[in-house]
Amino acid sequence: MDKMGDHLFYVLECKDGSYYAGYTNDLEKRVRVHNEGKGAKYTRAKRPVQCIYHENFETKREAMQAEYQFKQLKRNAKEIYIRKRRNVNEVTEKC
């Protein structure tokens, strides 16, 4: 069974400036895997990547829903989402 509150939706910025959104329960490991070229196919050719945003959720389902909703947004809306959430959560630094 999944641990409660250990589910993360995260956003990476790729070398080409594009965004990649995903789900994990171990952010540090997941970013490392992406940068080793063993992560998502999308990020393999766009390394290095850096985490620019993450958000914790109580359940895997909630985190994956946030990921899905984020992926439906256009680039400008994604930037606004990240900026607003950082301000709300008082997150002033990158991942």
C-alpha atoms as a PDB file:
ATOM      1  CA  MET A   1       0.000   0.000   0.000  1.00  0.00           C
ATOM      2  CA  ASP A   2       1.226   3.536  -0.787  1.00  0.00           C
ATOM      3  CA  LYS A   3       2.361   5.796   2.008  1.00  0.00           C
ATOM      4  CA  MET A   4       0.057   8.763   2.510  1.00  0.00           C
ATOM      5  CA  GLY A   5       1.431  12.153   1.483  1.00  0.00           C
ATOM      6  CA  ASP A   6       4.445  10.743  -0.350  1.00  0.00           C
ATOM      7  CA  HIS A   7       3.189  11.368  -3.884  1.00  0.00           C
ATOM      8  CA  LEU A   8       4.603  14.121  -6.037  1.00  0.00           C
ATOM      9  CA  PHE A   9       3.654  15.822  -9.262  1.00  0.00           C
ATOM     10  CA  TYR A  10       6.759  17.464 -10.700  1.00  0.00           C
ATOM     11  CA  VAL A  11       7.785  19.646 -13.624  1.00  0.00           C
ATOM     12  CA  LEU A  12      11.187  19.507 -15.275  1.00  0.00           C
ATOM     13  CA  GLU A  13      12.657  22.107 -17.568  1.00  0.00           C
ATOM     14  CA  CYS A  14      14.650  20.487 -20.350  1.00  0.00           C
ATOM     15  CA  LYS A  15      17.810  21.807 -21.987  1.00  0.00           C
ATOM     16  CA  ASP A  16      15.729  23.114 -24.918  1.00  0.00           C
ATOM     17  CA  GLY A  17      13.430  25.047 -22.548  1.00  0.00           C
ATOM     18  CA  SER A  18      10.495  22.671 -22.881  1.00  0.00           C
ATOM     19  CA  TYR A  19       8.633  21.286 -19.887  1.00  0.00           C
ATOM     20  CA  TYR A  20       8.140  17.678 -18.862  1.00  0.00           C
ATOM     21  CA  ALA A  21       5.599  16.785 -16.172  1.00  0.00           C
ATOM     22  CA  GLY A  22       5.485  13.546 -14.247  1.00  0.00           C
ATOM     23  CA  TYR A  23       4.649  11.623 -11.100  1.00  0.00           C
ATOM     24  CA  THR A  24       7.022  10.087  -8.560  1.00  0.00           C
ATOM     25  CA  ASN A  25       7.374   9.141  -4.930  1.00  0.00           C
ATOM     26  CA  ASP A  26      11.142   9.874  -4.921  1.00  0.00           C
ATOM     27  CA  LEU A  27      11.901  13.170  -6.645  1.00  0.00           C
ATOM     28  CA  GLU A  28      15.672  13.203  -6.257  1.00  0.00           C
ATOM     29  CA  LYS A  29      15.999   9.703  -7.698  1.00  0.00           C
ATOM     30  CA  ARG A  30      13.568  10.446 -10.536  1.00  0.00           C
ATOM     31  CA  VAL A  31      15.445  13.568 -11.668  1.00  0.00           C
ATOM     32  CA  ARG A  32      18.724  11.623 -11.550  1.00  0.00           C
ATOM     33  CA  VAL A  33      17.190   8.843 -13.687  1.00  0.00           C
ATOM     34  CA  HIS A  34      15.995  11.401 -16.262  1.00  0.00           C
ATOM     35  CA  ASN A  35      19.481  12.926 -16.426  1.00  0.00           C
ATOM     36  CA  GLU A  36      21.077   9.502 -16.839  1.00  0.00           C
ATOM     37  CA  GLY A  37      18.979   9.003 -19.972  1.00  0.00           C
ATOM     38  CA  LYS A  38      16.958   6.196 -18.401  1.00  0.00           C
ATOM     39  CA  GLY A  39      13.810   8.208 -17.741  1.00  0.00           C
ATOM     40  CA  ALA A  40      11.033   9.103 -20.130  1.00  0.00           C
ATOM     41  CA  LYS A  41      11.737   8.909 -23.843  1.00  0.00           C
ATOM     42  CA  TYR A  42      10.867  12.604 -24.132  1.00  0.00           C
ATOM     43  CA  THR A  43      13.681  13.725 -21.824  1.00  0.00           C
ATOM     44  CA  ARG A  44      16.419  11.452 -23.201  1.00  0.00           C
ATOM     45  CA  ALA A  45      17.352  13.797 -26.037  1.00  0.00           C
ATOM     46  CA  LYS A  46      16.686  16.944 -24.016  1.00  0.00           C
ATOM     47  CA  ARG A  47      19.192  16.521 -21.190  1.00  0.00           C
ATOM     48  CA  PRO A  48      20.144  17.878 -18.839  1.00  0.00           C
ATOM     49  CA  VAL A  49      16.851  18.523 -17.094  1.00  0.00           C
ATOM     50  CA  GLN A  50      16.213  20.364 -13.869  1.00  0.00           C
ATOM     51  CA  CYS A  51      13.246  20.283 -11.559  1.00  0.00           C
ATOM     52  CA  ILE A  52      11.527  23.665 -11.494  1.00  0.00           C
ATOM     53  CA  TYR A  53       8.377  22.748  -9.569  1.00  0.00           C
ATOM     54  CA  HIS A  54       6.905  19.995  -7.436  1.00  0.00           C
ATOM     55  CA  GLU A  55       3.781  19.541  -5.383  1.00  0.00           C
ATOM     56  CA  ASN A  56       2.982  16.917  -2.728  1.00  0.00           C
ATOM     57  CA  PHE A  57      -0.298  15.025  -2.586  1.00  0.00           C
ATOM     58  CA  GLU A  58      -1.863  12.586  -0.159  1.00  0.00           C
ATOM     59  CA  THR A  59      -2.568   9.947  -2.792  1.00  0.00           C
ATOM     60  CA  LYS A  60      -1.056   8.752  -6.056  1.00  0.00           C
ATOM     61  CA  ARG A  61      -4.358   9.396  -7.778  1.00  0.00           C
ATOM     62  CA  GLU A  62      -4.390  13.081  -6.767  1.00  0.00           C
ATOM     63  CA  ALA A  63      -0.805  13.576  -7.950  1.00  0.00           C
ATOM     64  CA  MET A  64      -1.496  11.896 -11.269  1.00  0.00           C
ATOM     65  CA  GLN A  65      -4.632  13.977 -11.759  1.00  0.00           C
ATOM     66  CA  ALA A  66      -2.571  17.137 -11.209  1.00  0.00           C
ATOM     67  CA  GLU A  67      -0.040  15.873 -13.762  1.00  0.00           C
ATOM     68  CA  TYR A  68      -2.784  15.189 -16.307  1.00  0.00           C
ATOM     69  CA  GLN A  69      -4.416  18.591 -15.793  1.00  0.00           C
ATOM     70  CA  PHE A  70      -1.059  20.354 -16.128  1.00  0.00           C
ATOM     71  CA  LYS A  71      -0.329  18.550 -19.386  1.00  0.00           C
ATOM     72  CA  GLN A  72      -3.613  19.845 -20.857  1.00  0.00           C
ATOM     73  CA  LEU A  73      -2.479  23.458 -20.441  1.00  0.00           C
ATOM     74  CA  LYS A  74      -0.776  25.555 -23.096  1.00  0.00           C
ATOM     75  CA  ARG A  75       2.767  26.775 -22.354  1.00  0.00           C
ATOM     76  CA  ASN A  76       1.712  30.218 -21.114  1.00  0.00           C
ATOM     77  CA  ALA A  77      -0.867  28.702 -18.769  1.00  0.00           C
ATOM     78  CA  LYS A  78       1.761  26.272 -17.449  1.00  0.00           C
ATOM     79  CA  GLU A  79       4.061  29.180 -16.585  1.00  0.00           C
ATOM     80  CA  ILE A  80       1.218  30.967 -14.799  1.00  0.00           C
ATOM     81  CA  TYR A  81       0.306  27.767 -12.910  1.00  0.00           C
ATOM     82  CA  ILE A  82       3.856  27.337 -11.641  1.00  0.00           C
ATOM     83  CA  ARG A  83       4.235  31.014 -10.688  1.00  0.00           C
ATOM     84  CA  LYS A  84       0.899  31.156  -8.827  1.00  0.00           C
ATOM     85  CA  ARG A  85       1.458  27.876  -6.983  1.00  0.00           C
ATOM     86  CA  ARG A  86       4.933  28.940  -5.914  1.00  0.00           C
ATOM     87  CA  ASN A  87       3.482  32.121  -4.442  1.00  0.00           C
ATOM     88  CA  VAL A  88       0.635  30.284  -2.698  1.00  0.00           C
ATOM     89  CA  ASN A  89       2.960  27.665  -1.245  1.00  0.00           C
ATOM     90  CA  GLU A  90       5.665  30.239  -0.491  1.00  0.00           C
ATOM     91  CA  VAL A  91       8.153  28.235  -2.494  1.00  0.00           C
ATOM     92  CA  THR A  92      10.874  30.595  -3.613  1.00  0.00           C
ATOM     93  CA  GLU A  93      13.491  28.161  -4.782  1.00  0.00           C
ATOM     94  CA  LYS A  94      13.703  25.427  -7.377  1.00  0.00           C
ATOM     95  CA  CYS A  95      13.272  21.771  -6.431  1.00  0.00           C
END
